[in-house]
Amino acid sequence: MLTPAEAEKLILAHLSPFRREDCPLTNAHGRTLCTNLCADRDLPPFDRVMLDGYALRAASLAVGGRKFRVEGTQAAGMRPFKLGAAADACLEIMTGAVLPEGADCIVPYEETARDGAIVTVADSVPSFTVGHAIHRRGSDHRAGEVLVSVGTKLTGREIAVAAACGCATLTVSQLPKIAVIATGDELVEVEASVAPHQIRRSNDHALRAALALAGWPQVERFHLRDVRHEIEHQLWHIIAEFEVVLITGGVSQGKFDYLPAELDRQGVKKIFQGVAQRPGKPFWFGVSTRGTPVFALPGNPVSAYTCLHRYVLPALAHASGLSPVAPRPVALAVPVTFKPKLAYLVPVKLTSGPRAELLALPDPTNTSGDFTGLVGTDGFVELPAEQVEFPAGTLAAFWPWT
């Protein structure tokens, strides 16, 4: 049986990249950038004044000049003035303005006193050097430099850079249409009356919410009863229409688990079934003839939710071209014993140690059906199958729920 790392490697090896598309800047938040974002001009594009005050020549201060005559006021967004030739010439200047021609330093308001057109620089102020309070042109980046690289998930920071560079549209990875299928005769919709032998659908709601939170909003939910001809008909349409298919339940060894055989009959090639882990051991993965990835998650809610975060979300990020991010290492806050020869994916609450190190406090659910036990946890850690005893302080890979 595969280890979690082997299962993940096989999934990534069989994924096709999502298509590219041009997206308006206003809708690009959360998308994955597919072309480098380069500076269209020097940044800043001019010698930029960094504070409100007076623009003058540093040489005039250096020889003892303290009184200056104001020749005008220049605000941000105005064409730059030219400083007069007189040694005592200065211009009132605002933050963000272009440095006036002939000026080379800025004296802030608080270091001066003004009487009419005359500004006196305080004697206690040392001479300001050339370039004081001036953000020089191109000192951040030169035109043509890569500012945001391919594979970056766009946040407000990258959106600001794109806007500053005049990018009204960005080339990003497509957002795939994702189908989430709940299976089983025992399931009823949330608002329906529930009989004693039935349970309300929760897996598809949970997975849809988690996918949307992770940046995959185009999700539709379906329900397949344990009826072979219904599975055959609906599954064919779903696989044909959607770019990613998630199934919960129906992939174990039960008498009414028709899905594996039906997936095979419809040309979905099984890549693997079964991972040496708890929860989520029956996890199944395959690819359709047109390259649609099909993730068949166990029906137990804790198993399904854990497998989504361990395998499906990283797979979607990989297919979108997102630069890989390794799971964060955390230290166990208490010792853990786990005897089965399986990887243990145990929910944890994060806390901090005395040196601000991240600690994981295991908070296992009662069973893999105890979905309420996940409330209040921050994610899970993966403990390898090769060990039984995990002392406090053991480093483990942490996978967050968000």
Protein backbone atom coordinates (compact mmCIF):
# COMPACT_ATOMS: atom_id res chain seq x y z
CA MET A 1 0.00 0.00 0.00
CA LEU A 2 1.21 3.49 -0.82
CA THR A 3 2.57 5.97 1.70
CA PRO A 4 0.99 9.45 1.68
CA ALA A 5 4.09 10.85 -0.05
CA GLU A 6 3.93 8.17 -2.76
CA ALA A 7 0.22 8.80 -3.30
CA GLU A 8 0.81 12.54 -3.61
CA LYS A 9 3.64 11.98 -6.10
CA LEU A 10 1.42 9.79 -8.30
CA ILE A 11 -1.40 12.33 -8.24
CA LEU A 12 0.84 15.19 -9.29
CA ALA A 13 2.43 13.09 -12.04
CA HIS A 14 -0.96 12.42 -13.64
CA LEU A 15 -2.37 15.95 -13.54
CA SER A 16 -2.62 18.15 -16.62
CA PRO A 17 -2.09 21.89 -16.09
CA PHE A 18 -5.22 24.04 -16.10
CA ARG A 19 -5.63 26.28 -19.11
CA ARG A 20 -4.57 29.92 -19.09
CA GLU A 21 -6.94 32.84 -19.48
CA ASP A 22 -6.81 36.62 -19.40
CA CYS A 23 -8.51 38.03 -16.33
CA PRO A 24 -9.45 41.65 -15.52
CA LEU A 25 -7.33 43.04 -12.71
CA THR A 26 -10.44 43.59 -10.58
CA ASN A 27 -11.16 39.83 -10.62
CA ALA A 28 -7.60 38.53 -10.33
CA HIS A 29 -7.35 38.26 -6.55
CA GLY A 30 -6.60 34.67 -5.51
CA ARG A 31 -5.69 33.54 -9.04
CA THR A 32 -2.33 32.04 -10.03
CA LEU A 33 -0.14 34.22 -12.26
CA CYS A 34 0.95 32.51 -15.52
CA THR A 35 3.28 35.17 -16.97
CA ASN A 36 5.91 37.24 -15.22
CA LEU A 37 4.79 40.71 -14.17
CA CYS A 38 7.52 43.19 -15.15
CA ALA A 39 8.02 46.87 -14.39
CA ASP A 40 6.81 48.96 -17.32
CA ARG A 41 9.03 51.86 -16.20
CA ASP A 42 11.48 52.71 -13.45
CA LEU A 43 10.11 52.50 -9.90
CA PRO A 44 9.75 55.12 -8.69
CA PRO A 45 9.40 56.68 -12.15
CA PHE A 46 10.91 60.00 -11.00
CA ASP A 47 12.88 61.46 -8.09
CA ARG A 48 10.05 61.42 -5.55
CA VAL A 49 9.82 63.74 -2.56
CA MET A 50 9.26 61.76 0.64
CA LEU A 51 7.92 64.41 3.04
CA ASP A 52 6.26 67.80 3.20
CA GLY A 53 8.70 70.71 3.47
CA TYR A 54 11.01 72.80 1.31
CA ALA A 55 13.16 71.76 -1.64
CA LEU A 56 16.51 73.54 -1.85
CA ARG A 57 20.22 73.02 -2.46
CA ALA A 58 22.17 71.10 0.18
CA ALA A 59 25.26 73.17 -0.67
CA SER A 60 23.51 76.34 0.56
CA LEU A 61 22.94 74.71 3.98
CA ALA A 62 26.49 73.39 4.06
CA VAL A 63 27.94 76.94 3.89
CA GLY A 64 25.68 78.21 6.67
CA GLY A 65 22.66 79.41 4.77
CA ARG A 66 19.58 79.48 7.00
CA LYS A 67 17.16 81.90 5.33
CA PHE A 68 15.53 80.97 2.02
CA ARG A 69 13.05 82.69 -0.25
CA VAL A 70 10.01 80.60 -1.32
CA GLU A 71 9.51 80.79 -5.08
CA GLY A 72 6.35 78.68 -5.31
CA THR A 73 4.51 75.61 -4.12
CA GLN A 74 4.60 72.27 -5.90
CA ALA A 75 2.06 69.57 -5.08
CA ALA A 76 2.09 65.90 -5.99
CA GLY A 77 0.89 65.34 -9.54
CA MET A 78 2.14 68.74 -10.80
CA ARG A 79 4.76 69.11 -13.47
CA PRO A 80 8.11 69.83 -11.76
CA PHE A 81 9.21 73.40 -11.17
CA LYS A 82 12.72 74.66 -11.74
CA LEU A 83 14.53 76.07 -8.74
CA GLY A 84 15.86 79.60 -9.26
CA ALA A 85 19.60 80.20 -9.62
CA ALA A 86 19.93 82.20 -6.36
CA ALA A 87 21.62 80.34 -3.49
CA ASP A 88 18.72 81.19 -1.18
CA ALA A 89 16.01 79.91 -3.52
CA CYS A 90 13.62 77.20 -2.33
CA LEU A 91 10.25 75.71 -3.25
CA GLU A 92 7.52 74.55 -0.92
CA ILE A 93 6.99 70.87 -1.72
CA MET A 94 4.49 68.13 -0.89
CA THR A 95 4.98 64.41 -0.28
CA GLY A 96 4.88 62.48 -3.55
CA ALA A 97 5.81 65.43 -5.74
CA VAL A 98 8.52 65.31 -8.39
CA LEU A 99 11.80 66.77 -7.16
CA PRO A 100 12.16 70.25 -8.74
CA GLU A 101 15.01 70.70 -11.17
CA GLY A 102 17.99 72.25 -9.39
CA ALA A 103 16.97 71.09 -5.88
CA ASP A 104 18.72 68.15 -4.22
CA CYS A 105 17.43 67.91 -0.66
CA ILE A 106 14.25 68.41 1.36
CA VAL A 107 13.99 70.20 4.71
CA PRO A 108 10.82 69.17 6.60
CA TYR A 109 8.29 71.75 7.80
CA GLU A 110 8.99 70.98 11.47
CA GLU A 111 12.62 72.13 11.12
CA THR A 112 11.64 75.55 9.78
CA ALA A 113 9.78 78.75 10.60
CA ARG A 114 8.09 80.83 7.92
CA ASP A 115 7.36 84.55 7.70
CA GLY A 116 5.71 85.46 4.43
CA ALA A 117 7.97 84.34 1.62
CA ILE A 118 10.95 83.80 3.92
CA VAL A 119 11.68 80.39 5.46
CA THR A 120 14.24 80.09 8.25
CA VAL A 121 15.85 76.72 8.90
CA ALA A 122 16.50 76.13 12.61
CA ASP A 123 20.14 76.62 13.69
CA SER A 124 19.98 73.35 15.64
CA VAL A 125 19.45 71.41 12.44
CA PRO A 126 22.62 69.95 10.95
CA SER A 127 23.22 70.38 7.26
CA PHE A 128 21.15 67.92 5.24
CA THR A 129 23.13 66.01 2.65
CA VAL A 130 22.33 65.69 -1.03
CA GLY A 131 19.41 63.29 -1.49
CA HIS A 132 17.82 63.77 1.93
CA ALA A 133 14.12 62.70 1.85
CA ILE A 134 14.32 61.92 -1.86
CA HIS A 135 13.24 58.54 -3.23
CA ARG A 136 15.49 58.29 -6.27
CA ARG A 137 14.18 57.20 -9.66
CA GLY A 138 14.70 53.49 -10.27
CA SER A 139 16.06 52.88 -6.77
CA ASP A 140 13.40 50.17 -6.20
CA HIS A 141 13.38 48.57 -9.65
CA ARG A 142 14.42 49.35 -13.19
CA ALA A 143 12.09 49.11 -16.17
CA GLY A 144 11.83 45.52 -17.39
CA GLU A 145 12.68 43.87 -14.07
CA VAL A 146 10.47 40.96 -12.96
CA LEU A 147 8.40 42.14 -10.01
CA VAL A 148 6.07 39.15 -9.57
CA SER A 149 7.04 35.73 -10.86
CA VAL A 150 5.00 33.04 -12.59
CA GLY A 151 3.37 30.71 -10.06
CA THR A 152 2.47 33.40 -7.54
CA LYS A 153 -0.99 33.41 -5.98
CA LEU A 154 -2.23 36.96 -6.35
CA THR A 155 -3.04 38.85 -3.17
CA GLY A 156 -3.57 42.53 -2.54
CA ARG A 157 0.20 43.07 -2.61
CA GLU A 158 0.64 41.69 -6.12
CA ILE A 159 -2.53 43.40 -7.32
CA ALA A 160 -1.06 46.73 -6.19
CA VAL A 161 2.10 46.05 -8.20
CA ALA A 162 0.06 45.11 -11.28
CA ALA A 163 -2.02 48.27 -11.01
CA ALA A 164 1.09 50.42 -10.64
CA CYS A 165 2.50 48.84 -13.81
CA GLY A 166 -0.65 49.53 -15.82
CA CYS A 167 -1.76 45.89 -16.12
CA ALA A 168 -5.51 46.09 -16.65
CA THR A 169 -5.57 42.34 -17.36
CA LEU A 170 -3.39 39.50 -16.14
CA THR A 171 -2.78 36.06 -17.60
CA VAL A 172 -3.80 33.59 -14.91
CA SER A 173 -4.67 29.94 -14.49
CA GLN A 174 -8.23 28.90 -15.23
CA LEU A 175 -10.56 28.26 -12.31
CA PRO A 176 -11.78 24.70 -12.94
CA LYS A 177 -15.37 23.57 -12.60
CA ILE A 178 -15.40 21.10 -9.74
CA ALA A 179 -18.08 18.50 -9.05
CA VAL A 180 -18.50 17.21 -5.50
CA ILE A 181 -20.56 14.02 -5.38
CA ALA A 182 -22.01 12.60 -2.19
CA THR A 183 -23.01 8.93 -2.46
CA GLY A 184 -25.29 6.68 -0.46
CA ASP A 185 -28.98 5.83 0.02
CA GLU A 186 -28.80 6.96 3.63
CA LEU A 187 -28.19 10.60 2.74
CA VAL A 188 -30.86 13.31 2.64
CA GLU A 189 -30.53 17.04 1.94
CA VAL A 190 -30.15 19.40 4.87
CA GLU A 191 -33.65 20.86 4.73
CA ALA A 192 -35.39 17.49 4.21
CA SER A 193 -37.15 15.48 6.88
CA VAL A 194 -34.77 12.84 8.22
CA ALA A 195 -35.84 9.34 9.21
CA PRO A 196 -34.15 7.47 12.08
CA HIS A 197 -32.11 5.38 9.61
CA GLN A 198 -30.96 8.38 7.54
CA ILE A 199 -28.35 11.10 7.92
CA ARG A 200 -28.17 14.59 6.48
CA ARG A 201 -25.65 15.35 3.77
CA SER A 202 -22.65 17.11 5.25
CA ASN A 203 -19.59 15.96 3.27
CA ASP A 204 -20.46 17.77 0.05
CA HIS A 205 -21.28 20.97 1.96
CA ALA A 206 -18.02 20.75 3.92
CA LEU A 207 -15.89 20.08 0.85
CA ARG A 208 -17.55 22.84 -1.16
CA ALA A 209 -16.95 25.36 1.63
CA ALA A 210 -13.31 24.29 2.04
CA LEU A 211 -12.71 24.49 -1.71
CA ALA A 212 -14.21 27.99 -1.88
CA LEU A 213 -12.11 29.13 1.07
CA ALA A 214 -8.99 27.82 -0.67
CA GLY A 215 -9.78 29.83 -3.81
CA TRP A 216 -11.82 27.34 -5.88
CA PRO A 217 -15.33 28.83 -6.01
CA GLN A 218 -16.79 27.02 -9.04
CA VAL A 219 -18.15 23.98 -7.22
CA GLU A 220 -21.44 22.13 -7.76
CA ARG A 221 -22.84 19.43 -5.47
CA PHE A 222 -24.48 16.18 -6.54
CA HIS A 223 -25.99 13.15 -4.86
CA LEU A 224 -25.78 9.60 -6.22
CA ARG A 225 -27.89 6.90 -4.65
CA ASP A 226 -26.60 3.32 -4.52
CA VAL A 227 -28.47 2.49 -7.69
CA ARG A 228 -26.29 1.19 -10.51
CA HIS A 229 -28.17 2.66 -13.49
CA GLU A 230 -28.41 6.10 -11.79
CA ILE A 231 -24.69 6.06 -11.06
CA GLU A 232 -23.97 5.08 -14.67
CA HIS A 233 -26.11 7.85 -16.16
CA GLN A 234 -25.19 10.76 -13.88
CA LEU A 235 -21.52 9.92 -13.58
CA TRP A 236 -21.08 9.98 -17.36
CA HIS A 237 -22.50 13.50 -17.59
CA ILE A 238 -20.52 14.78 -14.61
CA ILE A 239 -17.17 13.47 -15.88
CA ALA A 240 -17.88 14.96 -19.31
CA GLU A 241 -18.83 18.40 -17.98
CA PHE A 242 -16.44 19.09 -15.09
CA GLU A 243 -12.66 19.57 -15.00
CA VAL A 244 -12.26 18.01 -11.53
CA VAL A 245 -14.46 15.38 -9.86
CA LEU A 246 -14.59 14.62 -6.14
CA ILE A 247 -16.59 11.66 -4.87
CA THR A 248 -17.26 10.86 -1.23
CA GLY A 249 -18.12 7.31 -0.28
CA GLY A 250 -18.80 4.24 -2.38
CA VAL A 251 -15.17 3.23 -3.00
CA SER A 252 -14.61 0.64 -0.29
CA GLN A 253 -15.33 -3.09 -0.49
CA GLY A 254 -19.06 -2.98 0.34
CA LYS A 255 -21.66 -4.90 -1.68
CA PHE A 256 -23.23 -1.66 -2.90
CA ASP A 257 -19.98 0.17 -3.63
CA TYR A 258 -20.53 0.27 -7.38
CA LEU A 259 -18.34 3.25 -8.12
CA PRO A 260 -14.93 1.64 -8.75
CA ALA A 261 -16.36 -0.73 -11.36
CA GLU A 262 -18.44 2.00 -12.98
CA LEU A 263 -15.52 4.40 -13.11
CA ASP A 264 -13.48 1.71 -14.84
CA ARG A 265 -16.29 0.99 -17.31
CA GLN A 266 -16.48 4.68 -18.22
CA GLY A 267 -12.78 4.84 -19.01
CA VAL A 268 -11.50 6.37 -15.79
CA LYS A 269 -8.11 4.75 -15.28
CA LYS A 270 -7.41 3.85 -11.68
CA ILE A 271 -4.00 5.13 -10.65
CA PHE A 272 -4.21 3.74 -7.12
CA GLN A 273 -6.63 2.67 -4.43
CA GLY A 274 -5.64 2.64 -0.79
CA VAL A 275 -3.10 4.66 1.17
CA ALA A 276 -1.41 3.44 4.34
CA GLN A 277 -2.88 6.13 6.56
CA ARG A 278 -5.53 6.75 9.17
CA PRO A 279 -7.97 8.26 8.51
CA GLY A 280 -8.58 7.87 4.78
CA LYS A 281 -7.14 4.45 3.99
CA PRO A 282 -9.62 3.66 1.11
CA PHE A 283 -8.71 6.84 -0.82
CA TRP A 284 -8.92 6.27 -4.61
CA PHE A 285 -7.52 8.32 -7.49
CA GLY A 286 -7.92 8.00 -11.24
CA VAL A 287 -7.92 9.97 -14.50
CA SER A 288 -10.53 9.96 -17.25
CA THR A 289 -9.79 9.55 -20.95
CA ARG A 290 -9.90 13.33 -21.40
CA GLY A 291 -7.60 13.93 -18.44
CA THR A 292 -10.17 14.74 -15.78
CA PRO A 293 -8.78 13.89 -12.32
CA VAL A 294 -11.21 11.89 -10.20
CA PHE A 295 -10.65 11.83 -6.44
CA ALA A 296 -12.77 9.26 -4.62
CA LEU A 297 -12.61 10.10 -0.93
CA PRO A 298 -13.83 7.85 1.87
CA GLY A 299 -17.37 8.51 3.03
CA ASN A 300 -16.54 9.12 6.67
CA PRO A 301 -16.49 12.91 7.12
CA VAL A 302 -13.16 13.20 8.96
CA SER A 303 -11.51 11.00 6.32
CA ALA A 304 -12.99 12.98 3.44
CA TYR A 305 -12.08 16.36 4.92
CA THR A 306 -8.54 15.23 5.75
CA CYS A 307 -7.94 13.73 2.29
CA LEU A 308 -9.18 16.92 0.66
CA HIS A 309 -6.53 18.95 2.47
CA ARG A 310 -3.76 16.38 2.18
CA TYR A 311 -4.18 15.55 -1.51
CA VAL A 312 -6.87 17.45 -3.42
CA LEU A 313 -5.99 21.04 -2.52
CA PRO A 314 -2.25 20.53 -3.19
CA ALA A 315 -3.17 18.87 -6.50
CA LEU A 316 -5.33 21.83 -7.55
CA ALA A 317 -2.55 24.23 -6.63
CA HIS A 318 -0.07 22.17 -8.66
CA ALA A 319 -2.35 22.06 -11.73
CA SER A 320 -2.81 25.83 -11.53
CA GLY A 321 0.95 26.32 -11.67
CA LEU A 322 1.21 27.63 -8.12
CA SER A 323 4.76 27.50 -6.77
CA PRO A 324 4.95 24.59 -4.29
CA VAL A 325 4.95 25.38 -0.59
CA ALA A 326 6.21 22.76 1.83
CA PRO A 327 4.03 22.02 4.86
CA ARG A 328 5.11 23.92 7.94
CA PRO A 329 7.04 21.93 10.57
CA VAL A 330 5.62 22.07 14.09
CA ALA A 331 6.63 20.37 17.33
CA LEU A 332 4.34 18.03 19.23
CA ALA A 333 3.30 19.59 22.51
CA VAL A 334 2.74 16.19 24.14
CA PRO A 335 3.89 12.65 23.36
CA VAL A 336 1.80 10.53 20.98
CA THR A 337 1.59 6.75 20.66
CA PHE A 338 0.15 5.19 17.49
CA LYS A 339 0.71 1.46 17.02
CA PRO A 340 -0.89 0.63 13.63
CA LYS A 341 1.66 0.56 10.81
CA LEU A 342 -0.05 3.48 9.13
CA ALA A 343 0.67 7.18 8.78
CA TYR A 344 -1.34 9.00 11.42
CA LEU A 345 -3.07 12.18 10.26
CA VAL A 346 -4.17 13.56 13.59
CA PRO A 347 -6.06 16.85 14.12
CA VAL A 348 -4.23 19.40 16.25
CA LYS A 349 -4.65 22.75 17.90
CA LEU A 350 -1.73 25.14 17.49
CA THR A 351 -0.18 26.94 20.41
CA SER A 352 3.14 28.66 21.16
CA GLY A 353 6.03 27.60 23.34
CA PRO A 354 8.13 29.83 25.63
CA ARG A 355 10.39 30.78 22.71
CA ALA A 356 7.47 31.47 20.38
CA GLU A 357 7.92 28.13 18.62
CA LEU A 358 4.83 26.56 17.09
CA LEU A 359 3.50 23.64 19.09
CA ALA A 360 0.82 21.17 17.97
CA LEU A 361 -1.51 19.79 20.61
CA PRO A 362 -3.13 16.58 19.27
CA ASP A 363 -6.91 16.62 19.49
CA PRO A 364 -8.03 13.36 17.82
CA THR A 365 -11.65 12.80 16.92
CA ASN A 366 -13.63 10.02 18.54
CA THR A 367 -13.88 8.16 15.20
CA SER A 368 -13.51 9.06 11.53
CA GLY A 369 -17.24 9.76 11.60
CA ASP A 370 -16.91 12.33 14.40
CA PHE A 371 -16.93 15.44 12.23
CA THR A 372 -17.87 17.62 15.19
CA GLY A 373 -14.46 16.80 16.65
CA LEU A 374 -12.76 18.88 13.97
CA VAL A 375 -14.37 22.07 15.25
CA GLY A 376 -11.77 24.13 17.10
CA THR A 377 -8.78 22.40 15.51
CA ASP A 378 -6.38 24.24 13.20
CA GLY A 379 -5.36 21.40 10.90
CA PHE A 380 -3.58 18.08 11.23
CA VAL A 381 -0.05 16.73 11.52
CA GLU A 382 1.24 13.74 9.60
CA LEU A 383 3.13 11.22 11.72
CA PRO A 384 5.01 8.56 9.71
CA ALA A 385 4.15 4.86 9.86
CA GLU A 386 7.73 3.88 10.72
CA GLN A 387 7.37 5.01 14.33
CA VAL A 388 5.12 4.03 17.21
CA GLU A 389 6.25 6.48 19.88
CA PHE A 390 6.46 10.19 19.15
CA PRO A 391 7.94 12.09 22.11
CA ALA A 392 6.98 15.66 22.91
CA GLY A 393 9.06 17.96 20.71
CA THR A 394 8.94 15.63 17.69
CA LEU A 395 8.80 17.70 14.51
CA ALA A 396 5.92 16.89 12.19
CA ALA A 397 4.50 18.30 8.96
CA PHE A 398 1.46 20.48 9.62
CA TRP A 399 -1.40 20.81 7.14
CA PRO A 400 -3.79 23.71 7.94
CA TRP A 401 -7.54 23.63 7.39
CA THR A 402 -7.33 27.18 6.00
